[in-house]
Amino acid sequence: MLQLYAPVPASGQLSDHREAVQPAPRSAGRALSKQDIRQRAYAISRERRGVPGDPRGDWLQAETELLGRRFLGLT
């Protein structure tokens, strides 16, 4: 579970344990590449199993998914 803040002790006093924000995942430093998006868009098109689709829509869906995962720290 992603913890954005450290819990406040019952006494209400803040201590010096300020590990409030967890470090960013290792992949956060690497920019999202067109190859990453291309691979995910291809996988999305394959998941339709032959049903025609919109390549631009696949690209946008892939980009949105990958950026969302990165933002949430899931990659």
N, C-alpha and C. Protein backbone atom coordinates (compact mmCIF):
# COMPACT_ATOMS: atom_id res chain seq x y z
N MET A 1 0.84 -1.18 0.00
CA MET A 1 0.00 0.00 0.00
C MET A 1 0.88 1.24 0.00
N LEU A 2 0.56 2.18 -0.81
CA LEU A 2 1.31 3.42 -0.92
C LEU A 2 0.96 4.32 0.25
N GLN A 3 1.96 4.73 1.02
CA GLN A 3 1.75 5.59 2.17
C GLN A 3 2.33 6.95 1.85
N LEU A 4 1.49 7.96 1.82
CA LEU A 4 1.94 9.30 1.48
C LEU A 4 2.36 10.12 2.68
N TYR A 5 2.03 9.68 3.86
CA TYR A 5 2.39 10.41 5.07
C TYR A 5 2.61 9.42 6.20
N ALA A 6 3.37 9.86 7.16
CA ALA A 6 3.61 9.03 8.33
C ALA A 6 2.48 9.26 9.33
N PRO A 7 2.00 8.22 9.98
CA PRO A 7 0.93 8.40 10.96
C PRO A 7 1.41 9.24 12.15
N VAL A 8 0.52 10.04 12.66
CA VAL A 8 0.83 10.89 13.82
C VAL A 8 0.64 10.05 15.07
N PRO A 9 1.60 10.08 15.99
CA PRO A 9 1.46 9.31 17.22
C PRO A 9 0.23 9.74 18.02
N ALA A 10 -0.27 8.86 18.86
CA ALA A 10 -1.46 9.13 19.65
C ALA A 10 -1.28 10.36 20.54
N SER A 11 -0.04 10.62 20.93
CA SER A 11 0.22 11.77 21.81
C SER A 11 0.04 13.10 21.08
N GLY A 12 0.01 13.05 19.75
CA GLY A 12 -0.13 14.27 18.96
C GLY A 12 1.19 14.96 18.70
N GLN A 13 2.26 14.48 19.32
CA GLN A 13 3.58 15.06 19.14
C GLN A 13 4.26 14.45 17.93
N LEU A 14 4.80 15.30 17.09
CA LEU A 14 5.54 14.81 15.94
C LEU A 14 6.96 14.50 16.37
N SER A 15 7.47 13.38 15.95
CA SER A 15 8.85 13.02 16.29
C SER A 15 9.75 13.27 15.09
N ASP A 16 10.99 12.88 15.21
CA ASP A 16 11.96 13.11 14.13
C ASP A 16 11.97 11.98 13.11
N HIS A 17 11.03 11.07 13.13
CA HIS A 17 11.00 10.01 12.11
C HIS A 17 10.18 10.51 10.92
N ARG A 18 10.85 11.18 10.01
CA ARG A 18 10.16 11.83 8.89
C ARG A 18 10.34 11.08 7.59
N GLU A 19 10.14 9.79 7.63
CA GLU A 19 10.17 9.00 6.40
C GLU A 19 8.80 9.03 5.75
N ALA A 20 8.25 10.23 5.61
CA ALA A 20 6.87 10.42 5.18
C ALA A 20 6.60 9.89 3.78
N VAL A 21 7.40 10.24 2.82
CA VAL A 21 7.15 9.82 1.45
C VAL A 21 8.12 8.72 1.09
N GLN A 22 7.57 7.64 0.56
CA GLN A 22 8.41 6.53 0.15
C GLN A 22 9.22 6.93 -1.07
N PRO A 23 10.41 6.35 -1.24
CA PRO A 23 11.20 6.68 -2.41
C PRO A 23 10.51 6.23 -3.69
N ALA A 24 10.78 6.96 -4.76
CA ALA A 24 10.19 6.63 -6.06
C ALA A 24 10.75 5.30 -6.55
N PRO A 25 9.95 4.53 -7.29
CA PRO A 25 10.45 3.27 -7.83
C PRO A 25 11.61 3.52 -8.80
N ARG A 26 12.44 2.52 -8.99
CA ARG A 26 13.61 2.66 -9.85
C ARG A 26 13.24 3.08 -11.27
N SER A 27 12.15 2.58 -11.81
CA SER A 27 11.78 2.88 -13.19
C SER A 27 11.29 4.31 -13.36
N ALA A 28 11.05 5.02 -12.25
CA ALA A 28 10.53 6.39 -12.35
C ALA A 28 11.55 7.33 -12.99
N GLY A 29 12.84 7.00 -12.90
CA GLY A 29 13.85 7.86 -13.48
C GLY A 29 13.96 7.72 -14.99
N ARG A 30 13.46 6.62 -15.54
CA ARG A 30 13.56 6.38 -16.97
C ARG A 30 12.32 6.93 -17.64
N ALA A 31 12.54 7.69 -18.70
CA ALA A 31 11.41 8.27 -19.44
C ALA A 31 10.63 7.17 -20.16
N LEU A 32 9.35 7.40 -20.29
CA LEU A 32 8.49 6.47 -21.02
C LEU A 32 8.83 6.58 -22.50
N SER A 33 9.25 5.48 -23.10
CA SER A 33 9.69 5.52 -24.49
C SER A 33 8.55 5.15 -25.44
N LYS A 34 8.73 5.55 -26.68
CA LYS A 34 7.75 5.18 -27.71
C LYS A 34 7.69 3.67 -27.87
N GLN A 35 8.82 3.00 -27.66
CA GLN A 35 8.85 1.54 -27.77
C GLN A 35 7.98 0.90 -26.69
N ASP A 36 8.03 1.44 -25.47
CA ASP A 36 7.18 0.93 -24.38
C ASP A 36 5.70 1.07 -24.77
N ILE A 37 5.35 2.24 -25.28
CA ILE A 37 3.95 2.49 -25.66
C ILE A 37 3.56 1.60 -26.83
N ARG A 38 4.46 1.47 -27.80
CA ARG A 38 4.18 0.65 -28.98
C ARG A 38 3.91 -0.80 -28.59
N GLN A 39 4.72 -1.34 -27.68
CA GLN A 39 4.54 -2.73 -27.24
C GLN A 39 3.20 -2.91 -26.54
N ARG A 40 2.84 -1.97 -25.68
CA ARG A 40 1.56 -2.08 -24.97
C ARG A 40 0.39 -1.91 -25.93
N ALA A 41 0.51 -0.98 -26.89
CA ALA A 41 -0.56 -0.78 -27.88
C ALA A 41 -0.76 -2.04 -28.71
N TYR A 42 0.33 -2.69 -29.07
CA TYR A 42 0.23 -3.94 -29.82
C TYR A 42 -0.47 -5.01 -28.99
N ALA A 43 -0.12 -5.09 -27.71
CA ALA A 43 -0.78 -6.06 -26.83
C ALA A 43 -2.28 -5.78 -26.72
N ILE A 44 -2.64 -4.50 -26.66
CA ILE A 44 -4.06 -4.13 -26.59
C ILE A 44 -4.78 -4.57 -27.86
N SER A 45 -4.15 -4.37 -29.02
CA SER A 45 -4.78 -4.79 -30.28
C SER A 45 -4.92 -6.30 -30.35
N ARG A 46 -3.95 -7.03 -29.81
CA ARG A 46 -4.02 -8.50 -29.80
C ARG A 46 -5.13 -9.00 -28.86
N GLU A 47 -5.37 -8.26 -27.79
CA GLU A 47 -6.41 -8.66 -26.83
C GLU A 47 -7.80 -8.62 -27.45
N ARG A 48 -7.97 -7.87 -28.54
CA ARG A 48 -9.27 -7.82 -29.23
C ARG A 48 -9.54 -9.08 -30.04
N ARG A 49 -8.52 -9.88 -30.27
CA ARG A 49 -8.64 -11.16 -30.99
C ARG A 49 -9.30 -11.02 -32.36
N GLY A 50 -8.75 -10.16 -33.17
CA GLY A 50 -9.21 -10.04 -34.54
C GLY A 50 -10.32 -9.03 -34.78
N VAL A 51 -10.90 -8.52 -33.73
CA VAL A 51 -11.94 -7.51 -33.89
C VAL A 51 -11.27 -6.20 -34.28
N PRO A 52 -11.73 -5.56 -35.38
CA PRO A 52 -11.09 -4.32 -35.81
C PRO A 52 -11.15 -3.25 -34.71
N GLY A 53 -10.13 -2.42 -34.70
CA GLY A 53 -10.06 -1.36 -33.70
C GLY A 53 -9.41 -0.13 -34.27
N ASP A 54 -9.14 0.79 -33.42
CA ASP A 54 -8.54 2.07 -33.80
C ASP A 54 -7.10 2.12 -33.29
N PRO A 55 -6.11 2.10 -34.18
CA PRO A 55 -4.72 2.13 -33.73
C PRO A 55 -4.39 3.36 -32.88
N ARG A 56 -4.97 4.49 -33.22
CA ARG A 56 -4.72 5.70 -32.42
C ARG A 56 -5.30 5.53 -31.01
N GLY A 57 -6.47 4.93 -30.94
CA GLY A 57 -7.08 4.68 -29.63
C GLY A 57 -6.26 3.70 -28.81
N ASP A 58 -5.70 2.68 -29.48
CA ASP A 58 -4.83 1.72 -28.78
C ASP A 58 -3.60 2.44 -28.22
N TRP A 59 -3.03 3.33 -29.03
CA TRP A 59 -1.84 4.08 -28.61
C TRP A 59 -2.17 4.94 -27.38
N LEU A 60 -3.28 5.65 -27.45
CA LEU A 60 -3.65 6.53 -26.33
C LEU A 60 -3.96 5.73 -25.07
N GLN A 61 -4.63 4.59 -25.24
CA GLN A 61 -4.92 3.74 -24.09
C GLN A 61 -3.62 3.22 -23.47
N ALA A 62 -2.69 2.78 -24.32
CA ALA A 62 -1.41 2.28 -23.83
C ALA A 62 -0.65 3.36 -23.09
N GLU A 63 -0.60 4.55 -23.66
CA GLU A 63 0.11 5.67 -23.04
C GLU A 63 -0.51 6.02 -21.69
N THR A 64 -1.84 6.05 -21.64
CA THR A 64 -2.54 6.37 -20.40
C THR A 64 -2.26 5.32 -19.33
N GLU A 65 -2.34 4.04 -19.70
CA GLU A 65 -2.08 2.97 -18.74
C GLU A 65 -0.66 3.04 -18.19
N LEU A 66 0.31 3.20 -19.09
CA LEU A 66 1.71 3.21 -18.65
C LEU A 66 2.04 4.42 -17.79
N LEU A 67 1.52 5.57 -18.16
CA LEU A 67 1.75 6.76 -17.34
C LEU A 67 1.06 6.64 -15.98
N GLY A 68 -0.13 6.06 -15.98
CA GLY A 68 -0.85 5.86 -14.72
C GLY A 68 -0.11 4.92 -13.80
N ARG A 69 0.41 3.83 -14.35
CA ARG A 69 1.18 2.89 -13.53
C ARG A 69 2.42 3.55 -12.96
N ARG A 70 3.08 4.35 -13.78
CA ARG A 70 4.27 5.04 -13.31
C ARG A 70 3.91 6.03 -12.20
N PHE A 71 2.84 6.77 -12.39
CA PHE A 71 2.40 7.76 -11.39
C PHE A 71 2.09 7.07 -10.06
N LEU A 72 1.46 5.91 -10.13
CA LEU A 72 1.10 5.19 -8.91
C LEU A 72 2.27 4.37 -8.33
N GLY A 73 3.36 4.33 -9.07
CA GLY A 73 4.53 3.59 -8.59
C GLY A 73 4.39 2.09 -8.75
N LEU A 74 3.61 1.65 -9.73
CA LEU A 74 3.39 0.23 -9.93
C LEU A 74 4.38 -0.39 -10.91
N THR A 75 5.24 0.41 -11.50
CA THR A 75 6.23 -0.14 -12.42
C THR A 75 7.62 0.15 -11.95
